[in-house]
Amino acid sequence: MTLNYQRILVAVNKSAGADRALEKAVATAKRNHARLDILRVIDINSLQYKAGGQTVIDGQGIYDIEQSNEEFLTELREKILRNDGLDPEQVFVHLRFGNPRTVILDDFQPEYHNDLLVIGGTEMSLFKRMLAGSVTSYVPRAAQCDVLITKK
């Protein structure tokens, strides 16, 4: 049975797992002539480091993070267009701030009507997954579309 996906969402976070997910998403988009949404979510909780009750990151720091990630996504899109043969009308990049679980499942996927979500397998240790949870373990249970998790 072959599934024909039309709107593919891949979440990227500069990890090896995300790189594998992106490769699979690009290949699937190419095979299906589908739209590819590449989403980078900046976890706002990871930006709020408190030292003595003070938040260390300020507005300029957030702006710098945003600009760095916009540049990363633009370069990623250009690389895909150059190397993988997708049309510019197929590849879109998005940057959002928030909890990755909430942004991916409650905000982005319903808004863009993606029918496939591709994510990289978790690279967190068992202890970290138990303590903080992982997007990879949560998403398949809560997603309203098909989910593909790439493995090493």
C-alpha atoms as a PDB file:
ATOM      1  CA  MET A   1       0.000   0.000   0.000  1.00  0.00           C
ATOM      2  CA  THR A   2       1.410   3.380  -1.022  1.00  0.00           C
ATOM      3  CA  LEU A   3       0.374   6.507   0.841  1.00  0.00           C
ATOM      4  CA  ASN A   4       0.255   9.755  -1.074  1.00  0.00           C
ATOM      5  CA  TYR A   5       1.082  12.642   1.242  1.00  0.00           C
ATOM      6  CA  GLN A   6       0.435  16.207   0.090  1.00  0.00           C
ATOM      7  CA  ARG A   7       1.587  18.341   3.045  1.00  0.00           C
ATOM      8  CA  ILE A   8       4.606  17.152   5.002  1.00  0.00           C
ATOM      9  CA  LEU A   9       5.814  18.741   8.217  1.00  0.00           C
ATOM     10  CA  VAL A  10       9.318  18.085   9.514  1.00  0.00           C
ATOM     11  CA  ALA A  11      10.539  19.447  12.828  1.00  0.00           C
ATOM     12  CA  VAL A  12      14.232  20.346  12.936  1.00  0.00           C
ATOM     13  CA  ASN A  13      16.447  21.234  15.870  1.00  0.00           C
ATOM     14  CA  LYS A  14      20.056  20.980  14.661  1.00  0.00           C
ATOM     15  CA  SER A  15      20.459  17.398  15.929  1.00  0.00           C
ATOM     16  CA  ALA A  16      21.495  14.238  14.096  1.00  0.00           C
ATOM     17  CA  GLY A  17      17.981  12.855  14.542  1.00  0.00           C
ATOM     18  CA  ALA A  18      16.477  15.966  12.981  1.00  0.00           C
ATOM     19  CA  ASP A  19      18.921  15.706  10.072  1.00  0.00           C
ATOM     20  CA  ARG A  20      17.716  12.145   9.404  1.00  0.00           C
ATOM     21  CA  ALA A  21      14.096  13.295   9.646  1.00  0.00           C
ATOM     22  CA  LEU A  22      14.764  16.091   7.163  1.00  0.00           C
ATOM     23  CA  GLU A  23      16.352  13.674   4.675  1.00  0.00           C
ATOM     24  CA  LYS A  24      13.329  11.362   4.897  1.00  0.00           C
ATOM     25  CA  ALA A  25      10.873  14.262   4.628  1.00  0.00           C
ATOM     26  CA  VAL A  26      12.640  15.676   1.566  1.00  0.00           C
ATOM     27  CA  ALA A  27      12.622  12.267  -0.144  1.00  0.00           C
ATOM     28  CA  THR A  28       8.933  11.792   0.662  1.00  0.00           C
ATOM     29  CA  ALA A  29       8.042  15.282  -0.586  1.00  0.00           C
ATOM     30  CA  LYS A  30       9.966  14.662  -3.786  1.00  0.00           C
ATOM     31  CA  ARG A  31       8.319  11.282  -4.369  1.00  0.00           C
ATOM     32  CA  ASN A  32       4.816  12.669  -3.722  1.00  0.00           C
ATOM     33  CA  HIS A  33       5.310  16.123  -5.308  1.00  0.00           C
ATOM     34  CA  ALA A  34       4.174  17.429  -1.913  1.00  0.00           C
ATOM     35  CA  ARG A  35       4.522  20.656   0.011  1.00  0.00           C
ATOM     36  CA  LEU A  36       7.306  20.506   2.632  1.00  0.00           C
ATOM     37  CA  ASP A  37       7.033  22.631   5.779  1.00  0.00           C
ATOM     38  CA  ILE A  38      10.266  22.774   7.769  1.00  0.00           C
ATOM     39  CA  LEU A  39       9.607  23.922  11.318  1.00  0.00           C
ATOM     40  CA  ARG A  40      12.121  25.036  13.934  1.00  0.00           C
ATOM     41  CA  VAL A  41      10.649  25.580  17.403  1.00  0.00           C
ATOM     42  CA  ILE A  42      12.689  27.496  19.954  1.00  0.00           C
ATOM     43  CA  ASP A  43      11.711  26.199  23.384  1.00  0.00           C
ATOM     44  CA  ILE A  44      11.100  29.321  25.445  1.00  0.00           C
ATOM     45  CA  ASN A  45      11.661  27.415  28.677  1.00  0.00           C
ATOM     46  CA  SER A  46      15.250  26.685  27.648  1.00  0.00           C
ATOM     47  CA  LEU A  47      15.829  30.431  27.162  1.00  0.00           C
ATOM     48  CA  GLN A  48      14.751  31.365  30.659  1.00  0.00           C
ATOM     49  CA  TYR A  49      17.787  30.578  32.756  1.00  0.00           C
ATOM     50  CA  LYS A  50      17.335  32.073  36.193  1.00  0.00           C
ATOM     51  CA  ALA A  51      20.271  33.138  38.312  1.00  0.00           C
ATOM     52  CA  GLY A  52      19.363  34.603  41.650  1.00  0.00           C
ATOM     53  CA  GLY A  53      15.820  35.246  40.463  1.00  0.00           C
ATOM     54  CA  GLN A  54      16.970  37.211  37.398  1.00  0.00           C
ATOM     55  CA  THR A  55      16.415  36.131  33.817  1.00  0.00           C
ATOM     56  CA  VAL A  56      19.798  36.133  32.113  1.00  0.00           C
ATOM     57  CA  ILE A  57      18.547  36.456  28.527  1.00  0.00           C
ATOM     58  CA  ASP A  58      17.163  39.807  27.420  1.00  0.00           C
ATOM     59  CA  GLY A  59      15.395  41.167  24.361  1.00  0.00           C
ATOM     60  CA  GLN A  60      18.630  41.510  22.402  1.00  0.00           C
ATOM     61  CA  GLY A  61      19.504  37.895  23.213  1.00  0.00           C
ATOM     62  CA  ILE A  62      16.136  36.687  21.942  1.00  0.00           C
ATOM     63  CA  TYR A  63      16.526  38.810  18.808  1.00  0.00           C
ATOM     64  CA  ASP A  64      19.981  37.309  18.182  1.00  0.00           C
ATOM     65  CA  ILE A  65      18.596  33.783  18.614  1.00  0.00           C
ATOM     66  CA  GLU A  66      15.769  34.574  16.209  1.00  0.00           C
ATOM     67  CA  GLN A  67      18.129  35.999  13.579  1.00  0.00           C
ATOM     68  CA  SER A  68      20.523  33.065  13.873  1.00  0.00           C
ATOM     69  CA  ASN A  69      17.706  30.568  13.421  1.00  0.00           C
ATOM     70  CA  GLU A  70      16.143  32.496  10.519  1.00  0.00           C
ATOM     71  CA  GLU A  71      19.538  32.389   8.803  1.00  0.00           C
ATOM     72  CA  PHE A  72      19.859  28.664   9.524  1.00  0.00           C
ATOM     73  CA  LEU A  73      16.412  27.974   8.016  1.00  0.00           C
ATOM     74  CA  THR A  74      17.031  30.139   4.951  1.00  0.00           C
ATOM     75  CA  GLU A  75      20.319  28.353   4.265  1.00  0.00           C
ATOM     76  CA  LEU A  76      18.653  24.980   4.809  1.00  0.00           C
ATOM     77  CA  ARG A  77      15.911  25.827   2.301  1.00  0.00           C
ATOM     78  CA  GLU A  78      18.428  27.031  -0.280  1.00  0.00           C
ATOM     79  CA  LYS A  79      20.471  23.842   0.163  1.00  0.00           C
ATOM     80  CA  ILE A  80      17.372  21.661  -0.364  1.00  0.00           C
ATOM     81  CA  LEU A  81      16.351  23.612  -3.468  1.00  0.00           C
ATOM     82  CA  ARG A  82      19.879  23.384  -4.874  1.00  0.00           C
ATOM     83  CA  ASN A  83      20.642  19.734  -4.028  1.00  0.00           C
ATOM     84  CA  ASP A  84      17.339  17.857  -3.936  1.00  0.00           C
ATOM     85  CA  GLY A  85      15.410  19.078  -6.954  1.00  0.00           C
ATOM     86  CA  LEU A  86      12.349  20.439  -5.171  1.00  0.00           C
ATOM     87  CA  ASP A  87      10.607  23.522  -6.543  1.00  0.00           C
ATOM     88  CA  PRO A  88      10.596  26.779  -4.549  1.00  0.00           C
ATOM     89  CA  GLU A  89       6.788  26.519  -4.340  1.00  0.00           C
ATOM     90  CA  GLN A  90       7.183  23.222  -2.457  1.00  0.00           C
ATOM     91  CA  VAL A  91       9.549  24.192   0.372  1.00  0.00           C
ATOM     92  CA  PHE A  92       8.620  26.536   3.215  1.00  0.00           C
ATOM     93  CA  VAL A  93      10.501  27.301   6.426  1.00  0.00           C
ATOM     94  CA  HIS A  94       8.946  28.431   9.689  1.00  0.00           C
ATOM     95  CA  LEU A  95      10.305  29.594  13.027  1.00  0.00           C
ATOM     96  CA  ARG A  96       8.158  29.586  16.145  1.00  0.00           C
ATOM     97  CA  PHE A  97       8.772  30.164  19.835  1.00  0.00           C
ATOM     98  CA  GLY A  98       7.077  28.012  22.479  1.00  0.00           C
ATOM     99  CA  ASN A  99       6.809  24.512  23.812  1.00  0.00           C
ATOM    100  CA  PRO A 100       7.672  22.207  20.870  1.00  0.00           C
ATOM    101  CA  ARG A 101       4.851  19.780  21.683  1.00  0.00           C
ATOM    102  CA  THR A 102       2.231  22.517  21.769  1.00  0.00           C
ATOM    103  CA  VAL A 103       3.537  24.399  18.757  1.00  0.00           C
ATOM    104  CA  ILE A 104       3.798  21.286  16.559  1.00  0.00           C
ATOM    105  CA  LEU A 105       0.554  19.562  17.517  1.00  0.00           C
ATOM    106  CA  ASP A 106      -1.827  22.291  18.631  1.00  0.00           C
ATOM    107  CA  ASP A 107      -0.743  25.261  16.544  1.00  0.00           C
ATOM    108  CA  PHE A 108       1.203  24.420  13.402  1.00  0.00           C
ATOM    109  CA  GLN A 109      -0.155  21.102  12.143  1.00  0.00           C
ATOM    110  CA  PRO A 110      -3.837  22.117  12.433  1.00  0.00           C
ATOM    111  CA  GLU A 111      -3.136  25.509  10.814  1.00  0.00           C
ATOM    112  CA  TYR A 112      -1.237  24.065   7.836  1.00  0.00           C
ATOM    113  CA  HIS A 113      -3.229  20.814   7.571  1.00  0.00           C
ATOM    114  CA  ASN A 114      -0.170  18.594   7.311  1.00  0.00           C
ATOM    115  CA  ASP A 115      -0.993  14.954   6.619  1.00  0.00           C
ATOM    116  CA  LEU A 116       2.451  13.617   7.601  1.00  0.00           C
ATOM    117  CA  LEU A 117       4.717  14.677  10.448  1.00  0.00           C
ATOM    118  CA  VAL A 118       8.351  13.531  10.322  1.00  0.00           C
ATOM    119  CA  ILE A 119      10.511  13.729  13.447  1.00  0.00           C
ATOM    120  CA  GLY A 120      13.865  12.341  14.478  1.00  0.00           C
ATOM    121  CA  GLY A 121      14.173   9.655  17.111  1.00  0.00           C
ATOM    122  CA  THR A 122      15.121  10.954  20.516  1.00  0.00           C
ATOM    123  CA  GLU A 123      18.759  11.131  21.474  1.00  0.00           C
ATOM    124  CA  MET A 124      18.010  11.827  25.124  1.00  0.00           C
ATOM    125  CA  SER A 125      19.117   9.432  27.814  1.00  0.00           C
ATOM    126  CA  LEU A 126      16.484   7.408  29.635  1.00  0.00           C
ATOM    127  CA  PHE A 127      16.936   9.639  32.686  1.00  0.00           C
ATOM    128  CA  LYS A 128      16.332  12.850  30.705  1.00  0.00           C
ATOM    129  CA  ARG A 129      13.283  11.360  28.968  1.00  0.00           C
ATOM    130  CA  MET A 130      11.829  10.359  32.352  1.00  0.00           C
ATOM    131  CA  LEU A 131      12.568  13.764  33.843  1.00  0.00           C
ATOM    132  CA  ALA A 132      11.549  16.067  31.004  1.00  0.00           C
ATOM    133  CA  GLY A 133       9.738  13.819  28.560  1.00  0.00           C
ATOM    134  CA  SER A 134      10.513  13.962  24.891  1.00  0.00           C
ATOM    135  CA  VAL A 135       8.722  15.369  21.904  1.00  0.00           C
ATOM    136  CA  THR A 136       9.385  12.113  20.050  1.00  0.00           C
ATOM    137  CA  SER A 137       7.617   9.996  22.642  1.00  0.00           C
ATOM    138  CA  TYR A 138       4.666  12.394  22.981  1.00  0.00           C
ATOM    139  CA  VAL A 139       3.914  13.317  19.368  1.00  0.00           C
ATOM    140  CA  PRO A 140       2.813   9.914  17.998  1.00  0.00           C
ATOM    141  CA  ARG A 141       0.241   9.534  20.760  1.00  0.00           C
ATOM    142  CA  ALA A 142      -1.263  12.988  20.320  1.00  0.00           C
ATOM    143  CA  ALA A 143      -0.895  13.732  16.599  1.00  0.00           C
ATOM    144  CA  GLN A 144      -3.933  14.111  14.354  1.00  0.00           C
ATOM    145  CA  CYS A 145      -2.004  12.905  11.291  1.00  0.00           C
ATOM    146  CA  ASP A 146       0.438  10.152  10.359  1.00  0.00           C
ATOM    147  CA  VAL A 147       3.811  10.322  12.109  1.00  0.00           C
ATOM    148  CA  LEU A 148       7.127   8.975  10.847  1.00  0.00           C
ATOM    149  CA  ILE A 149       9.926   8.682  13.392  1.00  0.00           C
ATOM    150  CA  THR A 150      13.376   8.188  11.915  1.00  0.00           C
ATOM    151  CA  LYS A 151      15.900   5.970  13.664  1.00  0.00           C
ATOM    152  CA  LYS A 152      19.668   5.762  13.579  1.00  0.00           C
END
